[in-house]
């Protein structure tokens, strides 16, 4: 697959079908180094600024959730603020994070909605992981994703988002549209960094 871009540390490829930009596995961090990067984050559950940031996904998502809706916060990190925000609005949340909440049993459940905020850009096998989450959704459910989207190559080379060494894949609007078509989903893009994928009932 041709090289899309290259910088001092890594090279980046782009899928010709779905337009996902991705980093070859040779540039992945070890799990220990990856976790060390995440441990530097300071995202408190009650931080008003962080909550405002997460509301860009929470607000449009909540329009489609009924009281008591059961959800999974996938990749919730050490301080699951989004889960707390949604629970305050009457939802019931399970938590999963490969480093901080590694309870695999929650990946056997069935959910009305699943959230993945600032998660998909870290996935080493994004197609496999998103397909697994899709299988956990009940018909009529919604998968809410928050990640900054890539546009063209020149903008990508100026983009701060690619400088995080744990960011190994970068979605575009076209990538989400391709994925939605492939899985028979209905796609909404409420903001520049959010996507809602509805599983048709």
Protein backbone atom coordinates (compact mmCIF):
# COMPACT_ATOMS: atom_id res chain seq x y z
CA UNK A 1 0.00 0.00 0.00
CA UNK A 2 1.53 3.38 -0.97
CA UNK A 3 2.87 5.75 1.66
CA UNK A 4 0.46 8.59 2.40
CA UNK A 5 2.88 10.69 4.46
CA UNK A 6 6.10 10.45 6.47
CA UNK A 7 7.58 12.47 9.31
CA UNK A 8 10.69 12.18 11.47
CA UNK A 9 9.32 9.30 13.54
CA UNK A 10 6.86 7.32 11.46
CA UNK A 11 5.31 6.66 8.12
CA UNK A 12 1.60 6.61 7.37
CA UNK A 13 -0.36 4.57 4.83
CA UNK A 14 -3.87 5.10 3.53
CA UNK A 15 -6.35 2.42 2.60
CA UNK A 16 -7.48 2.88 -0.99
CA UNK A 17 -10.98 1.55 -0.20
CA UNK A 18 -11.99 3.22 3.06
CA UNK A 19 -9.41 6.06 3.20
CA UNK A 20 -8.35 5.20 6.76
CA UNK A 21 -4.85 6.55 7.41
CA UNK A 22 -2.83 4.13 9.52
CA UNK A 23 0.60 3.56 10.99
CA UNK A 24 2.37 0.26 10.18
CA UNK A 25 2.81 -2.08 13.18
CA UNK A 26 6.58 -1.56 13.19
CA UNK A 27 5.90 1.86 14.71
CA UNK A 28 3.52 0.70 17.47
CA UNK A 29 4.57 1.30 21.07
CA UNK A 30 4.92 -1.61 23.46
CA UNK A 31 1.95 -2.02 25.84
CA UNK A 32 4.13 -0.74 28.69
CA UNK A 33 5.11 2.44 26.85
CA UNK A 34 1.57 2.94 25.63
CA UNK A 35 0.15 2.77 29.15
CA UNK A 36 2.87 5.12 30.40
CA UNK A 37 1.61 7.70 27.89
CA UNK A 38 -1.98 7.28 29.07
CA UNK A 39 -0.91 7.59 32.70
CA UNK A 40 0.20 11.15 31.90
CA UNK A 41 -3.37 12.19 31.07
CA UNK A 42 -5.23 14.13 33.76
CA UNK A 43 -8.90 13.74 32.88
CA UNK A 44 -10.85 13.98 36.10
CA UNK A 45 -14.46 12.79 36.26
CA UNK A 46 -15.61 16.11 37.71
CA UNK A 47 -13.42 18.46 35.62
CA UNK A 48 -15.85 21.00 34.06
CA UNK A 49 -13.62 21.56 31.02
CA UNK A 50 -13.33 17.86 30.32
CA UNK A 51 -17.08 17.46 30.69
CA UNK A 52 -17.67 20.26 28.18
CA UNK A 53 -15.36 18.46 25.77
CA UNK A 54 -17.21 15.15 26.21
CA UNK A 55 -20.58 16.85 25.84
CA UNK A 56 -19.87 17.12 22.11
CA UNK A 57 -20.70 13.41 21.98
CA UNK A 58 -22.96 13.10 25.04
CA UNK A 59 -25.47 15.77 23.97
CA UNK A 60 -26.31 14.44 20.48
CA UNK A 61 -26.23 10.85 21.76
CA UNK A 62 -28.68 11.50 24.58
CA UNK A 63 -31.32 12.66 22.10
CA UNK A 64 -31.65 9.04 21.00
CA UNK A 65 -31.49 7.26 24.36
CA UNK A 66 -34.47 6.28 26.46
CA UNK A 67 -34.42 6.37 30.25
CA UNK A 68 -32.63 3.34 31.62
CA UNK A 69 -30.74 2.65 28.38
CA UNK A 70 -27.88 0.23 28.92
CA UNK A 71 -24.52 1.24 27.54
CA UNK A 72 -20.85 0.31 27.33
CA UNK A 73 -18.14 2.95 27.66
CA UNK A 74 -15.37 1.31 25.62
CA UNK A 75 -11.87 2.58 26.32
CA UNK A 76 -13.09 4.67 29.23
CA UNK A 77 -9.63 5.35 30.70
CA UNK A 78 -8.86 5.69 34.41
CA UNK A 79 -11.47 8.42 34.99
CA UNK A 80 -14.69 7.45 33.16
CA UNK A 81 -16.21 10.92 33.04
CA UNK A 82 -18.52 10.23 30.11
CA UNK A 83 -20.01 7.24 31.90
CA UNK A 84 -20.65 9.43 34.94
CA UNK A 85 -22.32 12.08 32.77
CA UNK A 86 -24.60 9.53 31.12
CA UNK A 87 -25.46 7.85 34.42
CA UNK A 88 -26.50 11.23 35.77
CA UNK A 89 -29.02 11.31 32.92
CA UNK A 90 -30.51 7.92 33.82
CA UNK A 91 -28.42 5.52 31.71
CA UNK A 92 -26.78 2.35 33.02
CA UNK A 93 -23.13 1.94 32.07
CA UNK A 94 -20.60 -0.87 31.94
CA UNK A 95 -16.93 0.05 31.63
CA UNK A 96 -14.13 -1.45 29.59
CA UNK A 97 -10.56 -0.34 29.11
CA UNK A 98 -7.70 -2.65 28.20
CA UNK A 99 -5.45 -1.05 30.85
CA UNK A 100 -7.75 0.39 33.53
CA UNK A 101 -10.98 -1.65 33.43
CA UNK A 102 -9.93 -4.93 31.75
CA UNK A 103 -13.03 -6.96 32.68
CA UNK A 104 -13.63 -9.02 29.54
CA UNK A 105 -17.05 -10.20 30.73
CA UNK A 106 -18.60 -6.85 29.75
CA UNK A 107 -17.64 -7.65 26.16
CA UNK A 108 -20.16 -10.50 26.26
CA UNK A 109 -23.14 -8.25 26.97
CA UNK A 110 -25.74 -6.64 24.74
CA UNK A 111 -26.14 -2.87 24.75
CA UNK A 112 -28.50 -0.14 23.62
CA UNK A 113 -25.53 2.11 22.98
CA UNK A 114 -21.74 2.01 23.02
CA UNK A 115 -19.38 4.98 23.32
CA UNK A 116 -15.75 5.24 22.29
CA UNK A 117 -14.37 8.70 23.03
CA UNK A 118 -10.82 9.41 21.89
CA UNK A 119 -10.32 5.65 21.52
CA UNK A 120 -10.46 4.54 17.89
CA UNK A 121 -7.27 6.39 16.95
CA UNK A 122 -5.40 4.06 19.35
CA UNK A 123 -6.71 0.78 17.93
CA UNK A 124 -4.17 -1.52 16.30
CA UNK A 125 -6.92 -3.40 14.46
CA UNK A 126 -9.74 -0.86 14.16
CA UNK A 127 -11.83 -2.90 11.74
CA UNK A 128 -11.87 -5.92 14.03
CA UNK A 129 -12.57 -3.89 17.16
CA UNK A 130 -15.40 -1.88 15.64
CA UNK A 131 -16.97 -5.03 14.22
CA UNK A 132 -16.84 -6.61 17.68
CA UNK A 133 -18.53 -3.58 19.23
CA UNK A 134 -21.15 -3.61 16.47
CA UNK A 135 -22.04 -7.20 17.35
CA UNK A 136 -22.66 -6.14 20.97
CA UNK A 137 -25.24 -3.55 19.92
CA UNK A 138 -28.91 -4.45 19.98
CA UNK A 139 -30.94 -3.68 16.83
CA UNK A 140 -31.83 0.00 16.94
CA UNK A 141 -28.73 0.73 19.03
CA UNK A 142 -26.15 3.43 18.41
CA UNK A 143 -22.37 3.49 18.44
CA UNK A 144 -21.02 6.92 19.38
CA UNK A 145 -17.44 7.71 18.42
CA UNK A 146 -15.35 10.76 19.19
CA UNK A 147 -12.10 11.24 17.28
CA UNK A 148 -10.59 14.05 15.25
CA UNK A 149 -10.93 13.49 11.52
CA UNK A 150 -8.23 13.65 8.89
CA UNK A 151 -8.78 15.62 5.70
CA UNK A 152 -6.05 16.01 3.06
CA UNK A 153 -2.34 15.20 3.12
CA UNK A 154 -1.11 18.79 3.55
CA UNK A 155 -3.37 19.34 6.55
CA UNK A 156 -2.31 15.96 7.94
CA UNK A 157 1.37 16.96 7.89
CA UNK A 158 0.55 20.12 9.89
CA UNK A 159 -1.78 18.28 12.28
CA UNK A 160 -0.87 18.10 15.98
CA UNK A 161 -3.08 15.02 16.40
CA UNK A 162 -0.63 12.74 14.57
CA UNK A 163 2.19 13.70 16.96
CA UNK A 164 0.81 11.54 19.77
CA UNK A 165 2.79 8.28 19.48
CA UNK A 166 -0.24 6.27 20.65
CA UNK A 167 -2.36 7.54 17.73
CA UNK A 168 -1.99 4.90 15.04
CA UNK A 169 -5.08 5.29 12.83
CA UNK A 170 -6.95 8.32 11.62
CA UNK A 171 -10.53 8.32 10.38
CA UNK A 172 -12.09 10.65 7.84
CA UNK A 173 -15.74 11.37 7.10
CA UNK A 174 -15.32 9.10 4.08
CA UNK A 175 -14.00 6.31 6.31
CA UNK A 176 -17.10 6.46 8.50
CA UNK A 177 -19.36 6.57 5.44
CA UNK A 178 -17.62 3.50 3.99
CA UNK A 179 -17.94 1.65 7.30
CA UNK A 180 -21.63 2.56 7.62
CA UNK A 181 -22.40 1.31 4.13
CA UNK A 182 -20.50 -1.93 4.72
CA UNK A 183 -22.44 -2.66 7.94
CA UNK A 184 -25.85 -1.39 6.89
CA UNK A 185 -25.67 1.45 9.40
CA UNK A 186 -27.12 4.95 9.33
CA UNK A 187 -24.43 7.58 9.88
CA UNK A 188 -24.69 11.01 11.45
CA UNK A 189 -21.75 13.39 11.91
CA UNK A 190 -23.00 15.89 14.52
CA UNK A 191 -19.67 17.70 14.84
CA UNK A 192 -16.18 17.74 13.34
CA UNK A 193 -14.98 15.10 15.80
CA UNK A 194 -18.07 13.01 16.50
CA UNK A 195 -19.89 10.22 14.65
CA UNK A 196 -23.09 8.33 15.46
CA UNK A 197 -23.65 4.97 13.79
CA UNK A 198 -27.17 3.57 14.14
CA UNK A 199 -27.81 -0.16 13.88
CA UNK A 200 -30.97 -0.54 11.87
CA UNK A 201 -33.64 -2.64 13.57
